[in-house]
Amino acid sequence: MMKNYGYKVCYQKQGKRKIKCYLITNTYSSAEWCVRWYNSHTPPDRRTNRPLERVTWLIVPIKTFIEYKRLWRGCPF
């Protein structure tokens, strides 16, 4: 059994192939809660501050410790 080090909440714009990471969480339940919240309350894009419309939200597990360390490197707290 593989260990998951956390989960990435990602989005994919309609008609695009690229998946972008929006949020990192430690538990699957908090990732699910975020996806439900983002479906009902459209969050802004982090770069342009425009609402993210026509996107599909995905939960992607973090499978390696190296990826986990890289993702949390810029965390402000």
PDB file of N, CA and C in Angstrom:
ATOM      1  N   MET A   1       0.842  -1.185   0.000  1.00  0.00           N
ATOM      2  CA  MET A   1       0.000   0.000   0.000  1.00  0.00           C
ATOM      3  C   MET A   1       0.882   1.240   0.000  1.00  0.00           C
ATOM      4  N   MET A   2       0.578   2.177  -0.870  1.00  0.00           N
ATOM      5  CA  MET A   2       1.345   3.416  -0.963  1.00  0.00           C
ATOM      6  C   MET A   2       0.834   4.448   0.018  1.00  0.00           C
ATOM      7  N   LYS A   3       1.753   5.202   0.594  1.00  0.00           N
ATOM      8  CA  LYS A   3       1.378   6.245   1.524  1.00  0.00           C
ATOM      9  C   LYS A   3       1.147   7.534   0.749  1.00  0.00           C
ATOM     10  N   ASN A   4       0.067   8.219   1.065  1.00  0.00           N
ATOM     11  CA  ASN A   4      -0.189   9.538   0.498  1.00  0.00           C
ATOM     12  C   ASN A   4       0.252  10.579   1.518  1.00  0.00           C
ATOM     13  N   TYR A   5       1.062  11.532   1.074  1.00  0.00           N
ATOM     14  CA  TYR A   5       1.600  12.553   1.965  1.00  0.00           C
ATOM     15  C   TYR A   5       0.683  13.767   2.066  1.00  0.00           C
ATOM     16  N   GLY A   6      -0.371  13.785   1.333  1.00  0.00           N
ATOM     17  CA  GLY A   6      -1.314  14.884   1.331  1.00  0.00           C
ATOM     18  C   GLY A   6      -2.074  14.866   0.018  1.00  0.00           C
ATOM     19  N   TYR A   7      -2.801  15.947  -0.230  1.00  0.00           N
ATOM     20  CA  TYR A   7      -3.623  16.018  -1.429  1.00  0.00           C
ATOM     21  C   TYR A   7      -3.547  17.415  -2.023  1.00  0.00           C
ATOM     22  N   LYS A   8      -3.560  17.456  -3.349  1.00  0.00           N
ATOM     23  CA  LYS A   8      -3.586  18.723  -4.073  1.00  0.00           C
ATOM     24  C   LYS A   8      -5.000  18.904  -4.627  1.00  0.00           C
ATOM     25  N   VAL A   9      -5.551  20.082  -4.418  1.00  0.00           N
ATOM     26  CA  VAL A   9      -6.813  20.442  -5.039  1.00  0.00           C
ATOM     27  C   VAL A   9      -6.440  21.209  -6.295  1.00  0.00           C
ATOM     28  N   CYS A  10      -6.740  20.614  -7.446  1.00  0.00           N
ATOM     29  CA  CYS A  10      -6.338  21.184  -8.728  1.00  0.00           C
ATOM     30  C   CYS A  10      -7.574  21.492  -9.561  1.00  0.00           C
ATOM     31  N   TYR A  11      -7.370  22.329 -10.571  1.00  0.00           N
ATOM     32  CA  TYR A  11      -8.458  22.614 -11.495  1.00  0.00           C
ATOM     33  C   TYR A  11      -7.969  22.506 -12.929  1.00  0.00           C
ATOM     34  N   GLN A  12      -8.920  22.210 -13.806  1.00  0.00           N
ATOM     35  CA  GLN A  12      -8.643  22.111 -15.233  1.00  0.00           C
ATOM     36  C   GLN A  12      -9.710  22.922 -15.949  1.00  0.00           C
ATOM     37  N   LYS A  13      -9.268  23.891 -16.754  1.00  0.00           N
ATOM     38  CA  LYS A  13     -10.217  24.719 -17.487  1.00  0.00           C
ATOM     39  C   LYS A  13     -10.853  23.903 -18.601  1.00  0.00           C
ATOM     40  N   GLN A  14     -12.096  24.247 -18.902  1.00  0.00           N
ATOM     41  CA  GLN A  14     -12.843  23.529 -19.933  1.00  0.00           C
ATOM     42  C   GLN A  14     -12.159  23.709 -21.290  1.00  0.00           C
ATOM     43  N   GLY A  15     -11.891  22.599 -21.957  1.00  0.00           N
ATOM     44  CA  GLY A  15     -11.249  22.635 -23.262  1.00  0.00           C
ATOM     45  C   GLY A  15      -9.732  22.667 -23.213  1.00  0.00           C
ATOM     46  N   LYS A  16      -9.137  22.666 -22.027  1.00  0.00           N
ATOM     47  CA  LYS A  16      -7.678  22.683 -21.856  1.00  0.00           C
ATOM     48  C   LYS A  16      -7.212  21.347 -21.302  1.00  0.00           C
ATOM     49  N   ARG A  17      -5.944  21.049 -21.493  1.00  0.00           N
ATOM     50  CA  ARG A  17      -5.382  19.791 -20.978  1.00  0.00           C
ATOM     51  C   ARG A  17      -4.579  19.993 -19.702  1.00  0.00           C
ATOM     52  N   LYS A  18      -4.080  21.203 -19.477  1.00  0.00           N
ATOM     53  CA  LYS A  18      -3.211  21.464 -18.335  1.00  0.00           C
ATOM     54  C   LYS A  18      -4.006  21.505 -17.030  1.00  0.00           C
ATOM     55  N   ILE A  19      -3.443  20.867 -16.022  1.00  0.00           N
ATOM     56  CA  ILE A  19      -4.032  20.870 -14.682  1.00  0.00           C
ATOM     57  C   ILE A  19      -3.177  21.777 -13.807  1.00  0.00           C
ATOM     58  N   LYS A  20      -3.825  22.706 -13.091  1.00  0.00           N
ATOM     59  CA  LYS A  20      -3.101  23.643 -12.234  1.00  0.00           C
ATOM     60  C   LYS A  20      -3.461  23.386 -10.776  1.00  0.00           C
ATOM     61  N   CYS A  21      -2.456  23.409  -9.930  1.00  0.00           N
ATOM     62  CA  CYS A  21      -2.646  23.210  -8.497  1.00  0.00           C
ATOM     63  C   CYS A  21      -3.166  24.505  -7.876  1.00  0.00           C
ATOM     64  N   TYR A  22      -4.214  24.397  -7.055  1.00  0.00           N
ATOM     65  CA  TYR A  22      -4.784  25.576  -6.413  1.00  0.00           C
ATOM     66  C   TYR A  22      -4.537  25.585  -4.906  1.00  0.00           C
ATOM     67  N   LEU A  23      -4.571  24.405  -4.290  1.00  0.00           N
ATOM     68  CA  LEU A  23      -4.462  24.325  -2.843  1.00  0.00           C
ATOM     69  C   LEU A  23      -3.853  22.982  -2.450  1.00  0.00           C
ATOM     70  N   ILE A  24      -3.131  22.946  -1.320  1.00  0.00           N
ATOM     71  CA  ILE A  24      -2.541  21.724  -0.796  1.00  0.00           C
ATOM     72  C   ILE A  24      -3.121  21.479   0.594  1.00  0.00           C
ATOM     73  N   THR A  25      -3.568  20.254   0.849  1.00  0.00           N
ATOM     74  CA  THR A  25      -4.095  19.904   2.170  1.00  0.00           C
ATOM     75  C   THR A  25      -3.460  18.607   2.645  1.00  0.00           C
ATOM     76  N   ASN A  26      -3.581  18.342   3.927  1.00  0.00           N
ATOM     77  CA  ASN A  26      -3.022  17.120   4.506  1.00  0.00           C
ATOM     78  C   ASN A  26      -4.011  15.961   4.517  1.00  0.00           C
ATOM     79  N   THR A  27      -5.317  16.248   4.491  1.00  0.00           N
ATOM     80  CA  THR A  27      -6.306  15.184   4.587  1.00  0.00           C
ATOM     81  C   THR A  27      -7.250  15.208   3.394  1.00  0.00           C
ATOM     82  N   TYR A  28      -7.777  14.032   3.081  1.00  0.00           N
ATOM     83  CA  TYR A  28      -8.714  13.907   1.960  1.00  0.00           C
ATOM     84  C   TYR A  28     -10.035  14.607   2.279  1.00  0.00           C
ATOM     85  N   SER A  29     -10.463  14.542   3.538  1.00  0.00           N
ATOM     86  CA  SER A  29     -11.735  15.172   3.902  1.00  0.00           C
ATOM     87  C   SER A  29     -11.685  16.687   3.721  1.00  0.00           C
ATOM     88  N   SER A  30     -10.574  17.311   4.041  1.00  0.00           N
ATOM     89  CA  SER A  30     -10.475  18.754   3.829  1.00  0.00           C
ATOM     90  C   SER A  30     -10.384  19.091   2.335  1.00  0.00           C
ATOM     91  N   ALA A  31      -9.773  18.223   1.545  1.00  0.00           N
ATOM     92  CA  ALA A  31      -9.741  18.429   0.089  1.00  0.00           C
ATOM     93  C   ALA A  31     -11.151  18.325  -0.486  1.00  0.00           C
ATOM     94  N   GLU A  32     -11.931  17.340  -0.019  1.00  0.00           N
ATOM     95  CA  GLU A  32     -13.318  17.215  -0.473  1.00  0.00           C
ATOM     96  C   GLU A  32     -14.136  18.447  -0.106  1.00  0.00           C
ATOM     97  N   TRP A  33     -13.952  18.948   1.114  1.00  0.00           N
ATOM     98  CA  TRP A  33     -14.679  20.126   1.563  1.00  0.00           C
ATOM     99  C   TRP A  33     -14.341  21.321   0.674  1.00  0.00           C
ATOM    100  N   CYS A  34     -13.054  21.489   0.344  1.00  0.00           N
ATOM    101  CA  CYS A  34     -12.635  22.598  -0.509  1.00  0.00           C
ATOM    102  C   CYS A  34     -13.253  22.502  -1.896  1.00  0.00           C
ATOM    103  N   VAL A  35     -13.306  21.301  -2.457  1.00  0.00           N
ATOM    104  CA  VAL A  35     -13.905  21.123  -3.786  1.00  0.00           C
ATOM    105  C   VAL A  35     -15.389  21.471  -3.748  1.00  0.00           C
ATOM    106  N   ARG A  36     -16.092  21.023  -2.709  1.00  0.00           N
ATOM    107  CA  ARG A  36     -17.514  21.371  -2.589  1.00  0.00           C
ATOM    108  C   ARG A  36     -17.696  22.881  -2.456  1.00  0.00           C
ATOM    109  N   TRP A  37     -16.837  23.541  -1.684  1.00  0.00           N
ATOM    110  CA  TRP A  37     -16.929  24.989  -1.492  1.00  0.00           C
ATOM    111  C   TRP A  37     -16.638  25.725  -2.800  1.00  0.00           C
ATOM    112  N   TYR A  38     -15.603  25.282  -3.524  1.00  0.00           N
ATOM    113  CA  TYR A  38     -15.240  25.950  -4.774  1.00  0.00           C
ATOM    114  C   TYR A  38     -16.296  25.751  -5.853  1.00  0.00           C
ATOM    115  N   ASN A  39     -17.037  24.658  -5.822  1.00  0.00           N
ATOM    116  CA  ASN A  39     -18.121  24.457  -6.781  1.00  0.00           C
ATOM    117  C   ASN A  39     -19.275  25.421  -6.534  1.00  0.00           C
ATOM    118  N   SER A  40     -19.522  25.769  -5.277  1.00  0.00           N
ATOM    119  CA  SER A  40     -20.630  26.670  -4.969  1.00  0.00           C
ATOM    120  C   SER A  40     -20.195  28.133  -4.872  1.00  0.00           C
ATOM    121  N   HIS A  41     -18.939  28.393  -4.535  1.00  0.00           N
ATOM    122  CA  HIS A  41     -18.405  29.751  -4.420  1.00  0.00           C
ATOM    123  C   HIS A  41     -17.151  29.842  -5.294  1.00  0.00           C
ATOM    124  N   THR A  42     -17.269  30.498  -6.418  1.00  0.00           N
ATOM    125  CA  THR A  42     -16.176  30.539  -7.386  1.00  0.00           C
ATOM    126  C   THR A  42     -14.995  31.323  -6.826  1.00  0.00           C
ATOM    127  N   PRO A  43     -13.825  30.680  -6.677  1.00  0.00           N
ATOM    128  CA  PRO A  43     -12.645  31.394  -6.161  1.00  0.00           C
ATOM    129  C   PRO A  43     -11.960  32.179  -7.280  1.00  0.00           C
ATOM    130  N   PRO A  44     -11.148  33.169  -6.914  1.00  0.00           N
ATOM    131  CA  PRO A  44     -10.423  33.917  -7.942  1.00  0.00           C
ATOM    132  C   PRO A  44      -9.148  33.201  -8.375  1.00  0.00           C
ATOM    133  N   ASP A  45      -8.702  33.510  -9.581  1.00  0.00           N
ATOM    134  CA  ASP A  45      -7.405  33.028 -10.056  1.00  0.00           C
ATOM    135  C   ASP A  45      -6.330  33.744  -9.247  1.00  0.00           C
ATOM    136  N   ARG A  46      -5.287  33.043  -8.852  1.00  0.00           N
ATOM    137  CA  ARG A  46      -4.274  33.640  -7.986  1.00  0.00           C
ATOM    138  C   ARG A  46      -3.431  34.704  -8.696  1.00  0.00           C
ATOM    139  N   ARG A  47      -3.284  34.607  -9.992  1.00  0.00           N
ATOM    140  CA  ARG A  47      -2.470  35.583 -10.729  1.00  0.00           C
ATOM    141  C   ARG A  47      -3.278  36.781 -11.204  1.00  0.00           C
ATOM    142  N   THR A  48      -4.433  36.535 -11.808  1.00  0.00           N
ATOM    143  CA  THR A  48      -5.206  37.615 -12.419  1.00  0.00           C
ATOM    144  C   THR A  48      -6.316  38.147 -11.524  1.00  0.00           C
ATOM    145  N   ASN A  49      -6.655  37.432 -10.469  1.00  0.00           N
ATOM    146  CA  ASN A  49      -7.712  37.793  -9.521  1.00  0.00           C
ATOM    147  C   ASN A  49      -9.097  37.802 -10.161  1.00  0.00           C
ATOM    148  N   ARG A  50      -9.240  37.169 -11.319  1.00  0.00           N
ATOM    149  CA  ARG A  50     -10.547  37.003 -11.960  1.00  0.00           C
ATOM    150  C   ARG A  50     -11.158  35.693 -11.483  1.00  0.00           C
ATOM    151  N   PRO A  51     -12.490  35.598 -11.449  1.00  0.00           N
ATOM    152  CA  PRO A  51     -13.122  34.341 -11.011  1.00  0.00           C
ATOM    153  C   PRO A  51     -12.795  33.182 -11.955  1.00  0.00           C
ATOM    154  N   LEU A  52     -12.569  32.019 -11.374  1.00  0.00           N
ATOM    155  CA  LEU A  52     -12.321  30.803 -12.166  1.00  0.00           C
ATOM    156  C   LEU A  52     -13.668  30.231 -12.579  1.00  0.00           C
ATOM    157  N   GLU A  53     -14.004  30.378 -13.846  1.00  0.00           N
ATOM    158  CA  GLU A  53     -15.284  29.896 -14.348  1.00  0.00           C
ATOM    159  C   GLU A  53     -15.049  28.778 -15.344  1.00  0.00           C
ATOM    160  N   ARG A  54     -16.002  27.870 -15.433  1.00  0.00           N
ATOM    161  CA  ARG A  54     -15.960  26.709 -16.331  1.00  0.00           C
ATOM    162  C   ARG A  54     -14.705  25.870 -16.086  1.00  0.00           C
ATOM    163  N   VAL A  55     -14.509  25.490 -14.826  1.00  0.00           N
ATOM    164  CA  VAL A  55     -13.375  24.636 -14.463  1.00  0.00           C
ATOM    165  C   VAL A  55     -13.897  23.348 -13.824  1.00  0.00           C
ATOM    166  N   THR A  56     -13.084  22.305 -13.912  1.00  0.00           N
ATOM    167  CA  THR A  56     -13.356  21.030 -13.252  1.00  0.00           C
ATOM    168  C   THR A  56     -12.361  20.895 -12.109  1.00  0.00           C
ATOM    169  N   TRP A  57     -12.866  20.647 -10.907  1.00  0.00           N
ATOM    170  CA  TRP A  57     -12.005  20.508  -9.742  1.00  0.00           C
ATOM    171  C   TRP A  57     -11.622  19.053  -9.557  1.00  0.00           C
ATOM    172  N   LEU A  58     -10.342  18.808  -9.247  1.00  0.00           N
ATOM    173  CA  LEU A  58      -9.807  17.465  -9.076  1.00  0.00           C
ATOM    174  C   LEU A  58      -9.056  17.372  -7.756  1.00  0.00           C
ATOM    175  N   ILE A  59      -9.029  16.179  -7.170  1.00  0.00           N
ATOM    176  CA  ILE A  59      -8.226  15.906  -5.983  1.00  0.00           C
ATOM    177  C   ILE A  59      -7.147  14.917  -6.400  1.00  0.00           C
ATOM    178  N   VAL A  60      -5.892  15.342  -6.280  1.00  0.00           N
ATOM    179  CA  VAL A  60      -4.760  14.525  -6.712  1.00  0.00           C
ATOM    180  C   VAL A  60      -3.899  14.207  -5.489  1.00  0.00           C
ATOM    181  N   PRO A  61      -3.613  12.925  -5.219  1.00  0.00           N
ATOM    182  CA  PRO A  61      -2.772  12.595  -4.058  1.00  0.00           C
ATOM    183  C   PRO A  61      -1.303  12.940  -4.306  1.00  0.00           C
ATOM    184  N   ILE A  62      -0.625  13.321  -3.229  1.00  0.00           N
ATOM    185  CA  ILE A  62       0.828  13.552  -3.257  1.00  0.00           C
ATOM    186  C   ILE A  62       1.454  12.227  -2.841  1.00  0.00           C
ATOM    187  N   LYS A  63       2.185  11.590  -3.742  1.00  0.00           N
ATOM    188  CA  LYS A  63       2.641  10.217  -3.503  1.00  0.00           C
ATOM    189  C   LYS A  63       4.081  10.096  -3.040  1.00  0.00           C
ATOM    190  N   THR A  64       4.910  11.127  -3.236  1.00  0.00           N
ATOM    191  CA  THR A  64       6.312  11.012  -2.834  1.00  0.00           C
ATOM    192  C   THR A  64       6.654  12.094  -1.823  1.00  0.00           C
ATOM    193  N   PHE A  65       7.601  11.782  -0.964  1.00  0.00           N
ATOM    194  CA  PHE A  65       8.040  12.739   0.043  1.00  0.00           C
ATOM    195  C   PHE A  65       8.750  13.927  -0.597  1.00  0.00           C
ATOM    196  N   ILE A  66       9.443  13.693  -1.691  1.00  0.00           N
ATOM    197  CA  ILE A  66      10.151  14.776  -2.378  1.00  0.00           C
ATOM    198  C   ILE A  66       9.155  15.792  -2.924  1.00  0.00           C
ATOM    199  N   GLU A  67       8.073  15.322  -3.524  1.00  0.00           N
ATOM    200  CA  GLU A  67       7.045  16.235  -4.022  1.00  0.00           C
ATOM    201  C   GLU A  67       6.394  16.984  -2.864  1.00  0.00           C
ATOM    202  N   TYR A  68       6.153  16.298  -1.768  1.00  0.00           N
ATOM    203  CA  TYR A  68       5.571  16.915  -0.578  1.00  0.00           C
ATOM    204  C   TYR A  68       6.448  18.058  -0.073  1.00  0.00           C
ATOM    205  N   LYS A  69       7.742  17.816   0.023  1.00  0.00           N
ATOM    206  CA  LYS A  69       8.666  18.862   0.486  1.00  0.00           C
ATOM    207  C   LYS A  69       8.702  20.042  -0.477  1.00  0.00           C
ATOM    208  N   ARG A  70       8.679  19.763  -1.786  1.00  0.00           N
ATOM    209  CA  ARG A  70       8.727  20.822  -2.785  1.00  0.00           C
ATOM    210  C   ARG A  70       7.466  21.681  -2.738  1.00  0.00           C
ATOM    211  N   LEU A  71       6.309  21.053  -2.556  1.00  0.00           N
ATOM    212  CA  LEU A  71       5.054  21.797  -2.543  1.00  0.00           C
ATOM    213  C   LEU A  71       4.921  22.680  -1.309  1.00  0.00           C
ATOM    214  N   TRP A  72       5.403  22.223  -0.145  1.00  0.00           N
ATOM    215  CA  TRP A  72       5.268  22.991   1.078  1.00  0.00           C
ATOM    216  C   TRP A  72       6.431  23.967   1.295  1.00  0.00           C
ATOM    217  N   ARG A  73       7.384  23.997   0.388  1.00  0.00           N
ATOM    218  CA  ARG A  73       8.559  24.849   0.564  1.00  0.00           C
ATOM    219  C   ARG A  73       8.187  26.334   0.687  1.00  0.00           C
ATOM    220  N   GLY A  74       7.277  26.822  -0.132  1.00  0.00           N
ATOM    221  CA  GLY A  74       6.910  28.233  -0.121  1.00  0.00           C
ATOM    222  C   GLY A  74       5.749  28.580   0.778  1.00  0.00           C
ATOM    223  N   CYS A  75       5.366  27.672   1.669  1.00  0.00           N
ATOM    224  CA  CYS A  75       4.234  27.896   2.544  1.00  0.00           C
ATOM    225  C   CYS A  75       4.527  29.025   3.534  1.00  0.00           C
ATOM    226  N   PRO A  76       3.634  30.024   3.678  1.00  0.00           N
ATOM    227  CA  PRO A  76       3.934  31.188   4.511  1.00  0.00           C
ATOM    228  C   PRO A  76       3.796  30.960   6.009  1.00  0.00           C
ATOM    229  N   PHE A  77       3.289  29.805   6.457  1.00  0.00           N
ATOM    230  CA  PHE A  77       3.165  29.596   7.912  1.00  0.00           C
ATOM    231  C   PHE A  77       3.907  28.381   8.357  1.00  0.00           C
TER     232      PHE A  77
END
